Amino acid sequence: MTGREANRDAWNGYVTAFPEYVIYPDHLVHRGDDVLVLGSTTGSHLGLPDQEERQLKLIWRATVRDGLLTLWQIIEDTPGQRTLLELTDV
């Protein structure tokens, strides 16, 4: 998805559809233009019981350049992704 309006509308739709959505950060990593948040959620579109959903680990990646958000990703937290993102020590 590209553009401020499109992303704002999408997130507004998501939190409206899933008002119980919560992000639980476990680790924060700031490196250059990137901020990475490792954690889990509850209340998402998955419809899982909270205890089960909390077991699914994610990485949120935000890249900011010249004061603008240029990349926003939600990535499954796997050993391979941690290697690619150089997060093996977290």
PDB file of N, CA and C in Angstrom:
ATOM      1  N   MET A   1       0.854  -1.155   0.000  1.00  0.00           N
ATOM      2  CA  MET A   1       0.000   0.000   0.000  1.00  0.00           C
ATOM      3  C   MET A   1       0.908   1.228   0.000  1.00  0.00           C
ATOM      4  N   THR A   2       0.562   2.204  -0.779  1.00  0.00           N
ATOM      5  CA  THR A   2       1.390   3.384  -0.911  1.00  0.00           C
ATOM      6  C   THR A   2       0.575   4.629  -0.593  1.00  0.00           C
ATOM      7  N   GLY A   3       1.186   5.541   0.149  1.00  0.00           N
ATOM      8  CA  GLY A   3       0.560   6.829   0.405  1.00  0.00           C
ATOM      9  C   GLY A   3      -0.008   6.962   1.801  1.00  0.00           C
ATOM     10  N   ARG A   4       0.089   8.182   2.300  1.00  0.00           N
ATOM     11  CA  ARG A   4      -0.377   8.486   3.655  1.00  0.00           C
ATOM     12  C   ARG A   4      -1.858   8.202   3.826  1.00  0.00           C
ATOM     13  N   GLU A   5      -2.673   8.713   2.906  1.00  0.00           N
ATOM     14  CA  GLU A   5      -4.123   8.550   3.033  1.00  0.00           C
ATOM     15  C   GLU A   5      -4.532   7.081   2.982  1.00  0.00           C
ATOM     16  N   ALA A   6      -3.963   6.339   2.056  1.00  0.00           N
ATOM     17  CA  ALA A   6      -4.312   4.925   1.921  1.00  0.00           C
ATOM     18  C   ALA A   6      -3.944   4.149   3.177  1.00  0.00           C
ATOM     19  N   ASN A   7      -2.765   4.418   3.731  1.00  0.00           N
ATOM     20  CA  ASN A   7      -2.338   3.725   4.948  1.00  0.00           C
ATOM     21  C   ASN A   7      -3.177   4.141   6.146  1.00  0.00           C
ATOM     22  N   ARG A   8      -3.457   5.417   6.267  1.00  0.00           N
ATOM     23  CA  ARG A   8      -4.289   5.875   7.383  1.00  0.00           C
ATOM     24  C   ARG A   8      -5.671   5.243   7.306  1.00  0.00           C
ATOM     25  N   ASP A   9      -6.268   5.227   6.099  1.00  0.00           N
ATOM     26  CA  ASP A   9      -7.586   4.626   5.940  1.00  0.00           C
ATOM     27  C   ASP A   9      -7.564   3.130   6.251  1.00  0.00           C
ATOM     28  N   ALA A  10      -6.514   2.441   5.813  1.00  0.00           N
ATOM     29  CA  ALA A  10      -6.419   1.002   6.071  1.00  0.00           C
ATOM     30  C   ALA A  10      -6.305   0.720   7.563  1.00  0.00           C
ATOM     31  N   TRP A  11      -5.437   1.452   8.264  1.00  0.00           N
ATOM     32  CA  TRP A  11      -5.293   1.224   9.699  1.00  0.00           C
ATOM     33  C   TRP A  11      -6.553   1.637  10.455  1.00  0.00           C
ATOM     34  N   ASN A  12      -7.194   2.705  10.032  1.00  0.00           N
ATOM     35  CA  ASN A  12      -8.444   3.099  10.662  1.00  0.00           C
ATOM     36  C   ASN A  12      -9.483   1.995  10.499  1.00  0.00           C
ATOM     37  N   GLY A  13      -9.566   1.417   9.311  1.00  0.00           N
ATOM     38  CA  GLY A  13     -10.482   0.306   9.078  1.00  0.00           C
ATOM     39  C   GLY A  13     -10.149  -0.904   9.930  1.00  0.00           C
ATOM     40  N   TYR A  14      -8.851  -1.178  10.082  1.00  0.00           N
ATOM     41  CA  TYR A  14      -8.431  -2.347  10.861  1.00  0.00           C
ATOM     42  C   TYR A  14      -8.790  -2.177  12.336  1.00  0.00           C
ATOM     43  N   VAL A  15      -8.448  -1.039  12.914  1.00  0.00           N
ATOM     44  CA  VAL A  15      -8.721  -0.865  14.347  1.00  0.00           C
ATOM     45  C   VAL A  15     -10.213  -0.699  14.614  1.00  0.00           C
ATOM     46  N   THR A  16     -10.970  -0.267  13.615  1.00  0.00           N
ATOM     47  CA  THR A  16     -12.421  -0.218  13.765  1.00  0.00           C
ATOM     48  C   THR A  16     -12.994  -1.639  13.746  1.00  0.00           C
ATOM     49  N   ALA A  17     -12.486  -2.462  12.838  1.00  0.00           N
ATOM     50  CA  ALA A  17     -12.961  -3.849  12.737  1.00  0.00           C
ATOM     51  C   ALA A  17     -12.494  -4.710  13.910  1.00  0.00           C
ATOM     52  N   PHE A  18     -11.328  -4.375  14.484  1.00  0.00           N
ATOM     53  CA  PHE A  18     -10.738  -5.167  15.575  1.00  0.00           C
ATOM     54  C   PHE A  18     -10.358  -4.238  16.724  1.00  0.00           C
ATOM     55  N   PRO A  19     -11.344  -3.708  17.434  1.00  0.00           N
ATOM     56  CA  PRO A  19     -11.072  -2.703  18.474  1.00  0.00           C
ATOM     57  C   PRO A  19     -10.289  -3.241  19.674  1.00  0.00           C
ATOM     58  N   GLU A  20     -10.172  -4.547  19.793  1.00  0.00           N
ATOM     59  CA  GLU A  20      -9.422  -5.134  20.908  1.00  0.00           C
ATOM     60  C   GLU A  20      -7.967  -5.405  20.535  1.00  0.00           C
ATOM     61  N   TYR A  21      -7.533  -4.987  19.356  1.00  0.00           N
ATOM     62  CA  TYR A  21      -6.164  -5.213  18.873  1.00  0.00           C
ATOM     63  C   TYR A  21      -5.163  -4.493  19.773  1.00  0.00           C
ATOM     64  N   VAL A  22      -4.179  -5.259  20.255  1.00  0.00           N
ATOM     65  CA  VAL A  22      -3.129  -4.716  21.116  1.00  0.00           C
ATOM     66  C   VAL A  22      -1.788  -5.271  20.649  1.00  0.00           C
ATOM     67  N   ILE A  23      -0.780  -4.403  20.592  1.00  0.00           N
ATOM     68  CA  ILE A  23       0.592  -4.817  20.292  1.00  0.00           C
ATOM     69  C   ILE A  23       1.362  -4.876  21.607  1.00  0.00           C
ATOM     70  N   TYR A  24       2.053  -5.979  21.845  1.00  0.00           N
ATOM     71  CA  TYR A  24       2.875  -6.177  23.044  1.00  0.00           C
ATOM     72  C   TYR A  24       4.338  -6.203  22.633  1.00  0.00           C
ATOM     73  N   PRO A  25       5.042  -5.079  22.736  1.00  0.00           N
ATOM     74  CA  PRO A  25       6.461  -5.071  22.362  1.00  0.00           C
ATOM     75  C   PRO A  25       7.318  -5.770  23.408  1.00  0.00           C
ATOM     76  N   ASP A  26       8.230  -6.613  22.939  1.00  0.00           N
ATOM     77  CA  ASP A  26       9.194  -7.284  23.815  1.00  0.00           C
ATOM     78  C   ASP A  26      10.574  -6.645  23.719  1.00  0.00           C
ATOM     79  N   HIS A  27      10.956  -6.220  22.510  1.00  0.00           N
ATOM     80  CA  HIS A  27      12.267  -5.603  22.274  1.00  0.00           C
ATOM     81  C   HIS A  27      12.116  -4.481  21.257  1.00  0.00           C
ATOM     82  N   LEU A  28      12.850  -3.410  21.462  1.00  0.00           N
ATOM     83  CA  LEU A  28      12.926  -2.309  20.508  1.00  0.00           C
ATOM     84  C   LEU A  28      14.367  -2.170  20.059  1.00  0.00           C
ATOM     85  N   VAL A  29      14.556  -2.032  18.756  1.00  0.00           N
ATOM     86  CA  VAL A  29      15.898  -1.882  18.202  1.00  0.00           C
ATOM     87  C   VAL A  29      15.880  -0.664  17.283  1.00  0.00           C
ATOM     88  N   HIS A  30      16.793   0.271  17.531  1.00  0.00           N
ATOM     89  CA  HIS A  30      16.949   1.439  16.656  1.00  0.00           C
ATOM     90  C   HIS A  30      18.301   1.318  15.980  1.00  0.00           C
ATOM     91  N   ARG A  31      18.263   1.345  14.656  1.00  0.00           N
ATOM     92  CA  ARG A  31      19.505   1.192  13.901  1.00  0.00           C
ATOM     93  C   ARG A  31      19.397   2.045  12.639  1.00  0.00           C
ATOM     94  N   GLY A  32      20.177   3.118  12.586  1.00  0.00           N
ATOM     95  CA  GLY A  32      20.133   3.997  11.429  1.00  0.00           C
ATOM     96  C   GLY A  32      18.750   4.590  11.253  1.00  0.00           C
ATOM     97  N   ASP A  33      18.173   4.392  10.080  1.00  0.00           N
ATOM     98  CA  ASP A  33      16.837   4.907   9.777  1.00  0.00           C
ATOM     99  C   ASP A  33      15.726   3.960  10.212  1.00  0.00           C
ATOM    100  N   ASP A  34      16.091   2.791  10.733  1.00  0.00           N
ATOM    101  CA  ASP A  34      15.101   1.769  11.079  1.00  0.00           C
ATOM    102  C   ASP A  34      14.824   1.710  12.572  1.00  0.00           C
ATOM    103  N   VAL A  35      13.565   1.454  12.884  1.00  0.00           N
ATOM    104  CA  VAL A  35      13.151   1.052  14.227  1.00  0.00           C
ATOM    105  C   VAL A  35      12.454  -0.287  14.047  1.00  0.00           C
ATOM    106  N   LEU A  36      12.896  -1.269  14.821  1.00  0.00           N
ATOM    107  CA  LEU A  36      12.301  -2.599  14.760  1.00  0.00           C
ATOM    108  C   LEU A  36      11.699  -2.918  16.127  1.00  0.00           C
ATOM    109  N   VAL A  37      10.489  -3.403  16.114  1.00  0.00           N
ATOM    110  CA  VAL A  37       9.793  -3.789  17.339  1.00  0.00           C
ATOM    111  C   VAL A  37       9.505  -5.272  17.233  1.00  0.00           C
ATOM    112  N   LEU A  38       9.989  -6.025  18.195  1.00  0.00           N
ATOM    113  CA  LEU A  38       9.739  -7.463  18.247  1.00  0.00           C
ATOM    114  C   LEU A  38       8.709  -7.709  19.330  1.00  0.00           C
ATOM    115  N   GLY A  39       7.683  -8.459  19.006  1.00  0.00           N
ATOM    116  CA  GLY A  39       6.652  -8.702  20.003  1.00  0.00           C
ATOM    117  C   GLY A  39       5.534  -9.571  19.472  1.00  0.00           C
ATOM    118  N   SER A  40       4.348  -9.351  20.043  1.00  0.00           N
ATOM    119  CA  SER A  40       3.181 -10.149  19.673  1.00  0.00           C
ATOM    120  C   SER A  40       1.933  -9.285  19.806  1.00  0.00           C
ATOM    121  N   THR A  41       0.790  -9.863  19.446  1.00  0.00           N
ATOM    122  CA  THR A  41      -0.473  -9.138  19.499  1.00  0.00           C
ATOM    123  C   THR A  41      -1.561  -9.991  20.132  1.00  0.00           C
ATOM    124  N   THR A  42      -2.663  -9.335  20.431  1.00  0.00           N
ATOM    125  CA  THR A  42      -3.927 -10.008  20.726  1.00  0.00           C
ATOM    126  C   THR A  42      -5.021  -9.204  20.043  1.00  0.00           C
ATOM    127  N   GLY A  43      -6.163  -9.828  19.865  1.00  0.00           N
ATOM    128  CA  GLY A  43      -7.324  -9.149  19.310  1.00  0.00           C
ATOM    129  C   GLY A  43      -7.265  -8.867  17.824  1.00  0.00           C
ATOM    130  N   SER A  44      -6.402  -9.569  17.098  1.00  0.00           N
ATOM    131  CA  SER A  44      -6.242  -9.309  15.664  1.00  0.00           C
ATOM    132  C   SER A  44      -7.288 -10.050  14.834  1.00  0.00           C
ATOM    133  N   HIS A  45      -7.134  -9.927  13.529  1.00  0.00           N
ATOM    134  CA  HIS A  45      -7.996 -10.594  12.558  1.00  0.00           C
ATOM    135  C   HIS A  45      -7.887 -12.121  12.614  1.00  0.00           C
ATOM    136  N   LEU A  46      -6.885 -12.631  13.312  1.00  0.00           N
ATOM    137  CA  LEU A  46      -6.699 -14.084  13.366  1.00  0.00           C
ATOM    138  C   LEU A  46      -7.806 -14.782  14.145  1.00  0.00           C
ATOM    139  N   GLY A  47      -8.429 -14.057  15.077  1.00  0.00           N
ATOM    140  CA  GLY A  47      -9.525 -14.635  15.834  1.00  0.00           C
ATOM    141  C   GLY A  47      -9.112 -15.731  16.802  1.00  0.00           C
ATOM    142  N   LEU A  48      -7.847 -15.727  17.203  1.00  0.00           N
ATOM    143  CA  LEU A  48      -7.342 -16.754  18.128  1.00  0.00           C
ATOM    144  C   LEU A  48      -7.565 -16.331  19.579  1.00  0.00           C
ATOM    145  N   PRO A  49      -7.638 -17.300  20.490  1.00  0.00           N
ATOM    146  CA  PRO A  49      -7.620 -16.938  21.904  1.00  0.00           C
ATOM    147  C   PRO A  49      -6.338 -16.158  22.215  1.00  0.00           C
ATOM    148  N   ASP A  50      -6.419 -15.202  23.136  1.00  0.00           N
ATOM    149  CA  ASP A  50      -5.275 -14.341  23.433  1.00  0.00           C
ATOM    150  C   ASP A  50      -4.000 -15.119  23.730  1.00  0.00           C
ATOM    151  N   GLN A  51      -4.086 -16.154  24.549  1.00  0.00           N
ATOM    152  CA  GLN A  51      -2.887 -16.923  24.912  1.00  0.00           C
ATOM    153  C   GLN A  51      -2.230 -17.551  23.685  1.00  0.00           C
ATOM    154  N   GLU A  52      -3.039 -18.011  22.754  1.00  0.00           N
ATOM    155  CA  GLU A  52      -2.504 -18.628  21.539  1.00  0.00           C
ATOM    156  C   GLU A  52      -1.897 -17.570  20.613  1.00  0.00           C
ATOM    157  N   GLU A  53      -2.584 -16.443  20.462  1.00  0.00           N
ATOM    158  CA  GLU A  53      -2.073 -15.391  19.589  1.00  0.00           C
ATOM    159  C   GLU A  53      -0.767 -14.807  20.121  1.00  0.00           C
ATOM    160  N   ARG A  54      -0.641 -14.700  21.452  1.00  0.00           N
ATOM    161  CA  ARG A  54       0.587 -14.155  22.045  1.00  0.00           C
ATOM    162  C   ARG A  54       1.808 -15.011  21.732  1.00  0.00           C
ATOM    163  N   GLN A  55       1.599 -16.276  21.366  1.00  0.00           N
ATOM    164  CA  GLN A  55       2.717 -17.159  21.030  1.00  0.00           C
ATOM    165  C   GLN A  55       3.266 -16.885  19.633  1.00  0.00           C
ATOM    166  N   LEU A  56       2.508 -16.188  18.802  1.00  0.00           N
ATOM    167  CA  LEU A  56       2.931 -15.870  17.432  1.00  0.00           C
ATOM    168  C   LEU A  56       3.756 -14.586  17.468  1.00  0.00           C
ATOM    169  N   LYS A  57       5.024 -14.692  17.210  1.00  0.00           N
ATOM    170  CA  LYS A  57       5.928 -13.552  17.322  1.00  0.00           C
ATOM    171  C   LYS A  57       6.067 -12.828  15.992  1.00  0.00           C
ATOM    172  N   LEU A  58       6.118 -11.503  16.063  1.00  0.00           N
ATOM    173  CA  LEU A  58       6.185 -10.639  14.891  1.00  0.00           C
ATOM    174  C   LEU A  58       7.303  -9.623  15.037  1.00  0.00           C
ATOM    175  N   ILE A  59       7.680  -9.051  13.897  1.00  0.00           N
ATOM    176  CA  ILE A  59       8.623  -7.936  13.866  1.00  0.00           C
ATOM    177  C   ILE A  59       7.949  -6.820  13.077  1.00  0.00           C
ATOM    178  N   TRP A  60       7.831  -5.649  13.678  1.00  0.00           N
ATOM    179  CA  TRP A  60       7.360  -4.466  12.974  1.00  0.00           C
ATOM    180  C   TRP A  60       8.597  -3.661  12.604  1.00  0.00           C
ATOM    181  N   ARG A  61       8.673  -3.246  11.350  1.00  0.00           N
ATOM    182  CA  ARG A  61       9.824  -2.478  10.883  1.00  0.00           C
ATOM    183  C   ARG A  61       9.340  -1.151  10.311  1.00  0.00           C
ATOM    184  N   ALA A  62       9.873  -0.067  10.839  1.00  0.00           N
ATOM    185  CA  ALA A  62       9.569   1.264  10.327  1.00  0.00           C
ATOM    186  C   ALA A  62      10.872   1.913   9.890  1.00  0.00           C
ATOM    187  N   THR A  63      10.877   2.460   8.687  1.00  0.00           N
ATOM    188  CA  THR A  63      12.027   3.189   8.180  1.00  0.00           C
ATOM    189  C   THR A  63      11.602   4.638   7.966  1.00  0.00           C
ATOM    190  N   VAL A  64      12.383   5.548   8.545  1.00  0.00           N
ATOM    191  CA  VAL A  64      12.089   6.981   8.431  1.00  0.00           C
ATOM    192  C   VAL A  64      13.275   7.662   7.762  1.00  0.00           C
ATOM    193  N   ARG A  65      12.964   8.413   6.702  1.00  0.00           N
ATOM    194  CA  ARG A  65      14.001   9.182   6.006  1.00  0.00           C
ATOM    195  C   ARG A  65      13.497  10.604   5.830  1.00  0.00           C
ATOM    196  N   ASP A  66      14.348  11.553   6.195  1.00  0.00           N
ATOM    197  CA  ASP A  66      13.989  12.972   6.087  1.00  0.00           C
ATOM    198  C   ASP A  66      12.662  13.271   6.768  1.00  0.00           C
ATOM    199  N   GLY A  67      12.437  12.620   7.921  1.00  0.00           N
ATOM    200  CA  GLY A  67      11.237  12.864   8.702  1.00  0.00           C
ATOM    201  C   GLY A  67       9.969  12.220   8.173  1.00  0.00           C
ATOM    202  N   LEU A  68      10.082  11.394   7.143  1.00  0.00           N
ATOM    203  CA  LEU A  68       8.913  10.736   6.562  1.00  0.00           C
ATOM    204  C   LEU A  68       9.028   9.228   6.679  1.00  0.00           C
ATOM    205  N   LEU A  69       7.931   8.595   7.000  1.00  0.00           N
ATOM    206  CA  LEU A  69       7.881   7.139   7.041  1.00  0.00           C
ATOM    207  C   LEU A  69       7.932   6.621   5.610  1.00  0.00           C
ATOM    208  N   THR A  70       8.987   5.896   5.283  1.00  0.00           N
ATOM    209  CA  THR A  70       9.153   5.402   3.910  1.00  0.00           C
ATOM    210  C   THR A  70       8.884   3.907   3.789  1.00  0.00           C
ATOM    211  N   LEU A  71       8.861   3.203   4.921  1.00  0.00           N
ATOM    212  CA  LEU A  71       8.595   1.763   4.892  1.00  0.00           C
ATOM    213  C   LEU A  71       7.942   1.359   6.203  1.00  0.00           C
ATOM    214  N   TRP A  72       6.901   0.540   6.104  1.00  0.00           N
ATOM    215  CA  TRP A  72       6.246  -0.046   7.267  1.00  0.00           C
ATOM    216  C   TRP A  72       5.985  -1.499   6.923  1.00  0.00           C
ATOM    217  N   GLN A  73       6.574  -2.412   7.693  1.00  0.00           N
ATOM    218  CA  GLN A  73       6.401  -3.837   7.434  1.00  0.00           C
ATOM    219  C   GLN A  73       6.013  -4.553   8.712  1.00  0.00           C
ATOM    220  N   ILE A  74       5.222  -5.587   8.558  1.00  0.00           N
ATOM    221  CA  ILE A  74       4.960  -6.534   9.640  1.00  0.00           C
ATOM    222  C   ILE A  74       5.469  -7.872   9.129  1.00  0.00           C
ATOM    223  N   ILE A  75       6.433  -8.441   9.864  1.00  0.00           N
ATOM    224  CA  ILE A  75       7.172  -9.607   9.402  1.00  0.00           C
ATOM    225  C   ILE A  75       7.048 -10.716  10.450  1.00  0.00           C
ATOM    226  N   GLU A  76       6.840 -11.944   9.995  1.00  0.00           N
ATOM    227  CA  GLU A  76       6.854 -13.071  10.923  1.00  0.00           C
ATOM    228  C   GLU A  76       8.244 -13.179  11.540  1.00  0.00           C
ATOM    229  N   ASP A  77       8.293 -13.316  12.848  1.00  0.00           N
ATOM    230  CA  ASP A  77       9.571 -13.425  13.560  1.00  0.00           C
ATOM    231  C   ASP A  77      10.062 -14.865  13.496  1.00  0.00           C
ATOM    232  N   THR A  78      10.969 -15.110  12.567  1.00  0.00           N
ATOM    233  CA  THR A  78      11.570 -16.431  12.392  1.00  0.00           C
ATOM    234  C   THR A  78      13.087 -16.291  12.477  1.00  0.00           C
ATOM    235  N   PRO A  79      13.801 -17.375  12.716  1.00  0.00           N
ATOM    236  CA  PRO A  79      15.265 -17.290  12.713  1.00  0.00           C
ATOM    237  C   PRO A  79      15.807 -16.714  11.405  1.00  0.00           C
ATOM    238  N   GLY A  80      15.219 -17.103  10.280  1.00  0.00           N
ATOM    239  CA  GLY A  80      15.669 -16.590   8.992  1.00  0.00           C
ATOM    240  C   GLY A  80      15.478 -15.086   8.859  1.00  0.00           C
ATOM    241  N   GLN A  81      14.323 -14.587   9.307  1.00  0.00           N
ATOM    242  CA  GLN A  81      14.075 -13.140   9.253  1.00  0.00           C
ATOM    243  C   GLN A  81      15.006 -12.395  10.195  1.00  0.00           C
ATOM    244  N   ARG A  82      15.241 -12.963  11.369  1.00  0.00           N
ATOM    245  CA  ARG A  82      16.174 -12.315  12.306  1.00  0.00           C
ATOM    246  C   ARG A  82      17.570 -12.229  11.701  1.00  0.00           C
ATOM    247  N   THR A  83      17.983 -13.260  10.981  1.00  0.00           N
ATOM    248  CA  THR A  83      19.286 -13.229  10.321  1.00  0.00           C
ATOM    249  C   THR A  83      19.316 -12.134   9.256  1.00  0.00           C
ATOM    250  N   LEU A  84      18.287 -12.085   8.403  1.00  0.00           N
ATOM    251  CA  LEU A  84      18.227 -11.072   7.358  1.00  0.00           C
ATOM    252  C   LEU A  84      18.256  -9.652   7.924  1.00  0.00           C
ATOM    253  N   LEU A  85      17.577  -9.461   9.068  1.00  0.00           N
ATOM    254  CA  LEU A  85      17.487  -8.140   9.680  1.00  0.00           C
ATOM    255  C   LEU A  85      18.608  -7.886  10.692  1.00  0.00           C
ATOM    256  N   GLU A  86      19.535  -8.834  10.781  1.00  0.00           N
ATOM    257  CA  GLU A  86      20.673  -8.740  11.716  1.00  0.00           C
ATOM    258  C   GLU A  86      20.192  -8.551  13.160  1.00  0.00           C
ATOM    259  N   LEU A  87      19.254  -9.402  13.557  1.00  0.00           N
ATOM    260  CA  LEU A  87      18.681  -9.374  14.905  1.00  0.00           C
ATOM    261  C   LEU A  87      18.992 -10.648  15.675  1.00  0.00           C
ATOM    262  N   THR A  88      20.053 -11.330  15.315  1.00  0.00           N
ATOM    263  CA  THR A  88      20.341 -12.624  15.944  1.00  0.00           C
ATOM    264  C   THR A  88      20.728 -12.484  17.413  1.00  0.00           C
ATOM    265  N   ASP A  89      21.116 -11.293  17.855  1.00  0.00           N
ATOM    266  CA  ASP A  89      21.531 -11.107  19.256  1.00  0.00           C
ATOM    267  C   ASP A  89      20.386 -10.640  20.154  1.00  0.00           C
ATOM    268  N   VAL A  90      19.178 -10.507  19.605  1.00  0.00           N
ATOM    269  CA  VAL A  90      18.029 -10.041  20.398  1.00  0.00           C
ATOM    270  C   VAL A  90      17.282 -11.218  20.961  1.00  0.00           C
TER     271      VAL A  90
END
